[in-house]
Amino acid sequence: MLKEGEHSITEIADMTGFCDAKYFREVFRKHFGVSPSEYRGKGTAEKENSDLKQDNDGSVSK
């Protein structure tokens, strides 16, 4: 859900059963080693990198 970017972190916390977004962020960081927003950012960067395709001549295009 975080990588899709369709919902806020507060909404995701609520959808996953957390009553307190601050506690969700705390538990998320302990489990994944990064904050939910950092995790979301990494997902966006990974998606952008996977969208790039390398041509046979070595040039990169979208």
PDB file of N, CA and C in Angstrom:
ATOM      1  N   MET A   1       0.818  -1.195   0.000  1.00  0.00           N
ATOM      2  CA  MET A   1       0.000   0.000   0.000  1.00  0.00           C
ATOM      3  C   MET A   1       0.864   1.262   0.000  1.00  0.00           C
ATOM      4  N   LEU A   2       1.960   1.225   0.743  1.00  0.00           N
ATOM      5  CA  LEU A   2       2.823   2.405   0.793  1.00  0.00           C
ATOM      6  C   LEU A   2       3.431   2.687  -0.574  1.00  0.00           C
ATOM      7  N   LYS A   3       3.891   1.658  -1.247  1.00  0.00           N
ATOM      8  CA  LYS A   3       4.543   1.845  -2.539  1.00  0.00           C
ATOM      9  C   LYS A   3       3.567   2.281  -3.617  1.00  0.00           C
ATOM     10  N   GLU A   4       2.297   1.909  -3.481  1.00  0.00           N
ATOM     11  CA  GLU A   4       1.292   2.328  -4.462  1.00  0.00           C
ATOM     12  C   GLU A   4       1.032   3.826  -4.379  1.00  0.00           C
ATOM     13  N   GLY A   5       1.154   4.401  -3.181  1.00  0.00           N
ATOM     14  CA  GLY A   5       0.997   5.840  -3.003  1.00  0.00           C
ATOM     15  C   GLY A   5      -0.428   6.355  -3.097  1.00  0.00           C
ATOM     16  N   GLU A   6      -1.407   5.475  -3.029  1.00  0.00           N
ATOM     17  CA  GLU A   6      -2.801   5.903  -3.155  1.00  0.00           C
ATOM     18  C   GLU A   6      -3.394   6.402  -1.836  1.00  0.00           C
ATOM     19  N   HIS A   7      -2.780   6.048  -0.711  1.00  0.00           N
ATOM     20  CA  HIS A   7      -3.307   6.412   0.606  1.00  0.00           C
ATOM     21  C   HIS A   7      -2.212   7.057   1.439  1.00  0.00           C
ATOM     22  N   SER A   8      -2.638   7.900   2.369  1.00  0.00           N
ATOM     23  CA  SER A   8      -1.683   8.517   3.284  1.00  0.00           C
ATOM     24  C   SER A   8      -1.224   7.473   4.303  1.00  0.00           C
ATOM     25  N   ILE A   9      -0.144   7.764   4.976  1.00  0.00           N
ATOM     26  CA  ILE A   9       0.370   6.859   6.003  1.00  0.00           C
ATOM     27  C   ILE A   9      -0.648   6.712   7.128  1.00  0.00           C
ATOM     28  N   THR A  10      -1.328   7.792   7.465  1.00  0.00           N
ATOM     29  CA  THR A  10      -2.368   7.729   8.499  1.00  0.00           C
ATOM     30  C   THR A  10      -3.500   6.805   8.069  1.00  0.00           C
ATOM     31  N   GLU A  11      -3.915   6.890   6.817  1.00  0.00           N
ATOM     32  CA  GLU A  11      -4.972   6.007   6.305  1.00  0.00           C
ATOM     33  C   GLU A  11      -4.524   4.549   6.325  1.00  0.00           C
ATOM     34  N   ILE A  12      -3.287   4.299   5.943  1.00  0.00           N
ATOM     35  CA  ILE A  12      -2.757   2.932   5.939  1.00  0.00           C
ATOM     36  C   ILE A  12      -2.686   2.394   7.358  1.00  0.00           C
ATOM     37  N   ALA A  13      -2.261   3.230   8.296  1.00  0.00           N
ATOM     38  CA  ALA A  13      -2.227   2.803   9.702  1.00  0.00           C
ATOM     39  C   ALA A  13      -3.616   2.375  10.148  1.00  0.00           C
ATOM     40  N   ASP A  14      -4.611   3.162   9.823  1.00  0.00           N
ATOM     41  CA  ASP A  14      -5.988   2.847  10.191  1.00  0.00           C
ATOM     42  C   ASP A  14      -6.465   1.564   9.498  1.00  0.00           C
ATOM     43  N   MET A  15      -6.167   1.413   8.221  1.00  0.00           N
ATOM     44  CA  MET A  15      -6.603   0.230   7.466  1.00  0.00           C
ATOM     45  C   MET A  15      -5.944  -1.053   7.963  1.00  0.00           C
ATOM     46  N   THR A  16      -4.771  -0.926   8.568  1.00  0.00           N
ATOM     47  CA  THR A  16      -4.063  -2.109   9.060  1.00  0.00           C
ATOM     48  C   THR A  16      -4.300  -2.377  10.542  1.00  0.00           C
ATOM     49  N   GLY A  17      -5.231  -1.618  11.131  1.00  0.00           N
ATOM     50  CA  GLY A  17      -5.642  -1.908  12.497  1.00  0.00           C
ATOM     51  C   GLY A  17      -4.984  -1.096  13.587  1.00  0.00           C
ATOM     52  N   PHE A  18      -4.183  -0.119  13.213  1.00  0.00           N
ATOM     53  CA  PHE A  18      -3.548   0.746  14.212  1.00  0.00           C
ATOM     54  C   PHE A  18      -4.466   1.921  14.504  1.00  0.00           C
ATOM     55  N   CYS A  19      -4.698   2.189  15.771  1.00  0.00           N
ATOM     56  CA  CYS A  19      -5.539   3.325  16.168  1.00  0.00           C
ATOM     57  C   CYS A  19      -4.746   4.624  16.199  1.00  0.00           C
ATOM     58  N   ASP A  20      -3.419   4.513  16.258  1.00  0.00           N
ATOM     59  CA  ASP A  20      -2.552   5.673  16.394  1.00  0.00           C
ATOM     60  C   ASP A  20      -1.478   5.631  15.306  1.00  0.00           C
ATOM     61  N   ALA A  21      -1.483   6.609  14.413  1.00  0.00           N
ATOM     62  CA  ALA A  21      -0.511   6.642  13.319  1.00  0.00           C
ATOM     63  C   ALA A  21       0.919   6.754  13.841  1.00  0.00           C
ATOM     64  N   LYS A  22       1.100   7.465  14.943  1.00  0.00           N
ATOM     65  CA  LYS A  22       2.441   7.602  15.524  1.00  0.00           C
ATOM     66  C   LYS A  22       2.967   6.239  15.961  1.00  0.00           C
ATOM     67  N   TYR A  23       2.121   5.431  16.567  1.00  0.00           N
ATOM     68  CA  TYR A  23       2.530   4.094  16.991  1.00  0.00           C
ATOM     69  C   TYR A  23       2.808   3.215  15.762  1.00  0.00           C
ATOM     70  N   PHE A  24       1.999   3.350  14.715  1.00  0.00           N
ATOM     71  CA  PHE A  24       2.239   2.619  13.466  1.00  0.00           C
ATOM     72  C   PHE A  24       3.633   2.932  12.936  1.00  0.00           C
ATOM     73  N   ARG A  25       3.981   4.219  12.910  1.00  0.00           N
ATOM     74  CA  ARG A  25       5.305   4.617  12.410  1.00  0.00           C
ATOM     75  C   ARG A  25       6.421   4.018  13.264  1.00  0.00           C
ATOM     76  N   GLU A  26       6.230   4.008  14.562  1.00  0.00           N
ATOM     77  CA  GLU A  26       7.220   3.462  15.490  1.00  0.00           C
ATOM     78  C   GLU A  26       7.423   1.960  15.250  1.00  0.00           C
ATOM     79  N   VAL A  27       6.327   1.218  15.165  1.00  0.00           N
ATOM     80  CA  VAL A  27       6.397  -0.231  14.942  1.00  0.00           C
ATOM     81  C   VAL A  27       6.971  -0.531  13.557  1.00  0.00           C
ATOM     82  N   PHE A  28       6.564   0.236  12.562  1.00  0.00           N
ATOM     83  CA  PHE A  28       7.056   0.049  11.196  1.00  0.00           C
ATOM     84  C   PHE A  28       8.573   0.223  11.156  1.00  0.00           C
ATOM     85  N   ARG A  29       9.069   1.286  11.789  1.00  0.00           N
ATOM     86  CA  ARG A  29      10.511   1.547  11.794  1.00  0.00           C
ATOM     87  C   ARG A  29      11.277   0.422  12.489  1.00  0.00           C
ATOM     88  N   LYS A  30      10.747  -0.082  13.598  1.00  0.00           N
ATOM     89  CA  LYS A  30      11.408  -1.173  14.310  1.00  0.00           C
ATOM     90  C   LYS A  30      11.473  -2.430  13.449  1.00  0.00           C
ATOM     91  N   HIS A  31      10.412  -2.678  12.688  1.00  0.00           N
ATOM     92  CA  HIS A  31      10.347  -3.896  11.881  1.00  0.00           C
ATOM     93  C   HIS A  31      11.169  -3.791  10.595  1.00  0.00           C
ATOM     94  N   PHE A  32      11.067  -2.667   9.882  1.00  0.00           N
ATOM     95  CA  PHE A  32      11.703  -2.521   8.576  1.00  0.00           C
ATOM     96  C   PHE A  32      13.005  -1.724   8.593  1.00  0.00           C
ATOM     97  N   GLY A  33      13.283  -1.031   9.704  1.00  0.00           N
ATOM     98  CA  GLY A  33      14.528  -0.265   9.797  1.00  0.00           C
ATOM     99  C   GLY A  33      14.469   1.096   9.119  1.00  0.00           C
ATOM    100  N   VAL A  34      13.329   1.454   8.573  1.00  0.00           N
ATOM    101  CA  VAL A  34      13.122   2.774   7.959  1.00  0.00           C
ATOM    102  C   VAL A  34      11.713   3.229   8.295  1.00  0.00           C
ATOM    103  N   SER A  35      11.471   4.522   8.173  1.00  0.00           N
ATOM    104  CA  SER A  35      10.126   5.040   8.418  1.00  0.00           C
ATOM    105  C   SER A  35       9.220   4.675   7.239  1.00  0.00           C
ATOM    106  N   PRO A  36       7.907   4.716   7.441  1.00  0.00           N
ATOM    107  CA  PRO A  36       7.003   4.445   6.322  1.00  0.00           C
ATOM    108  C   PRO A  36       7.238   5.381   5.130  1.00  0.00           C
ATOM    109  N   SER A  37       7.513   6.645   5.385  1.00  0.00           N
ATOM    110  CA  SER A  37       7.747   7.577   4.273  1.00  0.00           C
ATOM    111  C   SER A  37       9.048   7.260   3.541  1.00  0.00           C
ATOM    112  N   GLU A  38      10.076   6.840   4.271  1.00  0.00           N
ATOM    113  CA  GLU A  38      11.321   6.427   3.619  1.00  0.00           C
ATOM    114  C   GLU A  38      11.092   5.176   2.775  1.00  0.00           C
ATOM    115  N   TYR A  39      10.317   4.245   3.307  1.00  0.00           N
ATOM    116  CA  TYR A  39       9.986   3.016   2.585  1.00  0.00           C
ATOM    117  C   TYR A  39       9.219   3.345   1.313  1.00  0.00           C
ATOM    118  N   ARG A  40       8.268   4.254   1.420  1.00  0.00           N
ATOM    119  CA  ARG A  40       7.477   4.687   0.259  1.00  0.00           C
ATOM    120  C   ARG A  40       8.391   5.304  -0.791  1.00  0.00           C
ATOM    121  N   GLY A  41       9.327   6.134  -0.363  1.00  0.00           N
ATOM    122  CA  GLY A  41      10.262   6.767  -1.292  1.00  0.00           C
ATOM    123  C   GLY A  41      11.134   5.768  -2.009  1.00  0.00           C
ATOM    124  N   LYS A  42      11.574   4.738  -1.309  1.00  0.00           N
ATOM    125  CA  LYS A  42      12.379   3.694  -1.935  1.00  0.00           C
ATOM    126  C   LYS A  42      11.570   2.947  -2.980  1.00  0.00           C
ATOM    127  N   GLY A  43      10.305   2.703  -2.693  1.00  0.00           N
ATOM    128  CA  GLY A  43       9.436   2.023  -3.650  1.00  0.00           C
ATOM    129  C   GLY A  43       9.264   2.832  -4.915  1.00  0.00           C
ATOM    130  N   THR A  44       9.151   4.144  -4.771  1.00  0.00           N
ATOM    131  CA  THR A  44       9.005   5.028  -5.918  1.00  0.00           C
ATOM    132  C   THR A  44      10.286   5.022  -6.745  1.00  0.00           C
ATOM    133  N   ALA A  45      11.440   5.081  -6.088  1.00  0.00           N
ATOM    134  CA  ALA A  45      12.720   5.073  -6.801  1.00  0.00           C
ATOM    135  C   ALA A  45      12.926   3.745  -7.521  1.00  0.00           C
ATOM    136  N   GLU A  46      12.576   2.629  -6.884  1.00  0.00           N
ATOM    137  CA  GLU A  46      12.714   1.325  -7.514  1.00  0.00           C
ATOM    138  C   GLU A  46      11.818   1.221  -8.741  1.00  0.00           C
ATOM    139  N   LYS A  47      10.592   1.736  -8.649  1.00  0.00           N
ATOM    140  CA  LYS A  47       9.665   1.690  -9.771  1.00  0.00           C
ATOM    141  C   LYS A  47      10.207   2.519 -10.927  1.00  0.00           C
ATOM    142  N   GLU A  48      10.723   3.705 -10.643  1.00  0.00           N
ATOM    143  CA  GLU A  48      11.270   4.549 -11.695  1.00  0.00           C
ATOM    144  C   GLU A  48      12.448   3.864 -12.372  1.00  0.00           C
ATOM    145  N   ASN A  49      13.309   3.216 -11.591  1.00  0.00           N
ATOM    146  CA  ASN A  49      14.454   2.513 -12.156  1.00  0.00           C
ATOM    147  C   ASN A  49      14.022   1.332 -13.003  1.00  0.00           C
ATOM    148  N   SER A  50      12.982   0.627 -12.599  1.00  0.00           N
ATOM    149  CA  SER A  50      12.518  -0.517 -13.374  1.00  0.00           C
ATOM    150  C   SER A  50      11.819  -0.064 -14.653  1.00  0.00           C
ATOM    151  N   ASP A  51      11.330   1.165 -14.688  1.00  0.00           N
ATOM    152  CA  ASP A  51      10.687   1.699 -15.883  1.00  0.00           C
ATOM    153  C   ASP A  51      11.703   2.055 -16.970  1.00  0.00           C
ATOM    154  N   LEU A  52      12.936   2.288 -16.554  1.00  0.00           N
ATOM    155  CA  LEU A  52      13.974   2.615 -17.527  1.00  0.00           C
ATOM    156  C   LEU A  52      14.418   1.337 -18.218  1.00  0.00           C
ATOM    157  N   LYS A  53      14.564   1.414 -19.533  1.00  0.00           N
ATOM    158  CA  LYS A  53      15.009   0.257 -20.282  1.00  0.00           C
ATOM    159  C   LYS A  53      16.282   0.627 -21.005  1.00  0.00           C
ATOM    160  N   GLN A  54      17.238  -0.292 -20.995  1.00  0.00           N
ATOM    161  CA  GLN A  54      18.499  -0.018 -21.652  1.00  0.00           C
ATOM    162  C   GLN A  54      18.429  -0.550 -23.068  1.00  0.00           C
ATOM    163  N   ASP A  55      18.727   0.317 -24.038  1.00  0.00           N
ATOM    164  CA  ASP A  55      18.741  -0.077 -25.449  1.00  0.00           C
ATOM    165  C   ASP A  55      20.017  -0.857 -25.756  1.00  0.00           C
ATOM    166  N   ASN A  56      20.056  -1.501 -26.906  1.00  0.00           N
ATOM    167  CA  ASN A  56      21.219  -2.299 -27.295  1.00  0.00           C
ATOM    168  C   ASN A  56      22.475  -1.476 -27.398  1.00  0.00           C
ATOM    169  N   ASP A  57      22.369  -0.200 -27.754  1.00  0.00           N
ATOM    170  CA  ASP A  57      23.549   0.646 -27.885  1.00  0.00           C
ATOM    171  C   ASP A  57      24.021   1.229 -26.558  1.00  0.00           C
ATOM    172  N   GLY A  58      23.352   0.847 -25.447  1.00  0.00           N
ATOM    173  CA  GLY A  58      23.771   1.304 -24.136  1.00  0.00           C
ATOM    174  C   GLY A  58      23.070   2.555 -23.662  1.00  0.00           C
ATOM    175  N   SER A  59      22.289   3.197 -24.542  1.00  0.00           N
ATOM    176  CA  SER A  59      21.579   4.391 -24.113  1.00  0.00           C
ATOM    177  C   SER A  59      20.350   3.977 -23.324  1.00  0.00           C
ATOM    178  N   VAL A  60      19.889   4.894 -22.484  1.00  0.00           N
ATOM    179  CA  VAL A  60      18.749   4.609 -21.620  1.00  0.00           C
ATOM    180  C   VAL A  60      17.570   5.430 -22.090  1.00  0.00           C
ATOM    181  N   SER A  61      16.417   4.770 -22.179  1.00  0.00           N
ATOM    182  CA  SER A  61      15.201   5.471 -22.560  1.00  0.00           C
ATOM    183  C   SER A  61      14.065   5.026 -21.676  1.00  0.00           C
ATOM    184  N   LYS A  62      13.021   5.811 -21.663  1.00  0.00           N
ATOM    185  CA  LYS A  62      11.826   5.459 -20.877  1.00  0.00           C
ATOM    186  C   LYS A  62      10.849   4.727 -21.708  1.00  0.00           C
TER     187      LYS A  62
END
